[in-house]
Amino acid sequence: IGYKIRVPPRRDPRAWLELLEALRSEHHSFLDRRQWEEVARRHQIEKEIAELESRPDNIGRTDLIRKLRRELEKSS
């Protein structure tokens, strides 16, 4: 709040309620975007794991699969 968001006068309760509602709405939008990004990242990891598992065994690939699975578990 400040130079980017106009602060209403103290004597205008309706303007304060509008500001509060706008901030809540923005916060909910942020949470929705973050949740969508987390789901998209999980799907990307799952897809990458599936692709790596379809290839022949390789020590580096096995380590990468293990690392990706750990990351997937953390994000759940």
Protein backbone atom coordinates (compact mmCIF):
# COMPACT_ATOMS: atom_id res chain seq x y z
CA ILE A 1 0.00 0.00 0.00
CA GLY A 2 1.35 3.37 -0.82
CA TYR A 3 2.51 4.65 -4.15
CA LYS A 4 1.04 1.78 -6.20
CA ILE A 5 -2.22 1.27 -4.34
CA ARG A 6 -4.23 4.32 -3.45
CA VAL A 7 -4.85 4.57 0.29
CA PRO A 8 -8.36 5.83 0.96
CA PRO A 9 -9.06 8.59 3.45
CA ARG A 10 -9.67 7.42 7.02
CA ARG A 11 -13.16 8.84 7.03
CA ASP A 12 -14.33 6.69 4.10
CA PRO A 13 -15.20 3.22 5.46
CA ARG A 14 -16.70 2.07 2.16
CA ALA A 15 -13.44 2.79 0.34
CA TRP A 16 -11.56 0.81 2.98
CA LEU A 17 -13.90 -2.14 2.49
CA GLU A 18 -13.38 -1.93 -1.27
CA LEU A 19 -9.62 -1.87 -0.74
CA LEU A 20 -9.84 -4.87 1.58
CA GLU A 21 -11.93 -6.79 -0.95
CA ALA A 22 -9.52 -5.92 -3.77
CA LEU A 23 -6.55 -7.13 -1.72
CA ARG A 24 -8.36 -10.36 -0.81
CA SER A 25 -9.23 -10.96 -4.44
CA GLU A 26 -5.63 -10.41 -5.51
CA HIS A 27 -4.41 -12.76 -2.80
CA HIS A 28 -6.83 -15.49 -3.90
CA SER A 29 -5.73 -15.05 -7.50
CA PHE A 30 -2.12 -15.42 -6.41
CA LEU A 31 -2.92 -18.61 -4.48
CA ASP A 32 -4.80 -20.06 -7.46
CA ARG A 33 -1.89 -19.32 -9.79
CA ARG A 34 0.61 -20.83 -7.38
CA GLN A 35 -1.48 -23.99 -7.00
CA TRP A 36 -1.81 -24.30 -10.77
CA GLU A 37 1.96 -23.90 -11.18
CA GLU A 38 2.63 -26.58 -8.56
CA VAL A 39 0.31 -29.02 -10.31
CA ALA A 40 1.89 -28.24 -13.67
CA ARG A 41 5.37 -28.83 -12.20
CA ARG A 42 4.27 -32.17 -10.71
CA HIS A 43 2.93 -33.27 -14.08
CA GLN A 44 6.16 -32.19 -15.74
CA ILE A 45 8.20 -34.24 -13.26
CA GLU A 46 5.96 -37.28 -13.74
CA LYS A 47 6.30 -37.00 -17.50
CA GLU A 48 10.07 -36.68 -17.26
CA ILE A 49 10.29 -39.72 -14.97
CA ALA A 50 8.20 -41.77 -17.40
CA GLU A 51 10.40 -40.74 -20.30
CA LEU A 52 13.60 -41.56 -18.41
CA GLU A 53 12.24 -44.94 -17.32
CA SER A 54 11.45 -45.84 -20.91
CA ARG A 55 15.13 -45.51 -21.83
CA PRO A 56 17.77 -48.16 -21.15
CA ASP A 57 19.31 -48.29 -17.67
CA ASN A 58 22.14 -45.91 -16.95
CA ILE A 59 23.72 -44.93 -13.61
CA GLY A 60 23.27 -41.20 -14.17
CA ARG A 61 19.72 -41.69 -15.38
CA THR A 62 18.87 -43.83 -12.36
CA ASP A 63 20.19 -41.12 -10.04
CA LEU A 64 18.18 -38.48 -11.89
CA ILE A 65 15.01 -40.57 -11.60
CA ARG A 66 15.63 -40.96 -7.87
CA LYS A 67 16.16 -37.21 -7.52
CA LEU A 68 12.99 -36.43 -9.47
CA ARG A 69 10.97 -38.86 -7.34
CA ARG A 70 12.23 -37.15 -4.18
CA GLU A 71 11.24 -33.79 -5.60
CA LEU A 72 7.83 -35.21 -6.48
CA GLU A 73 7.37 -36.51 -2.92
CA LYS A 74 8.32 -33.12 -1.47
CA SER A 75 5.79 -31.32 -3.62
CA SER A 76 2.93 -33.60 -2.55
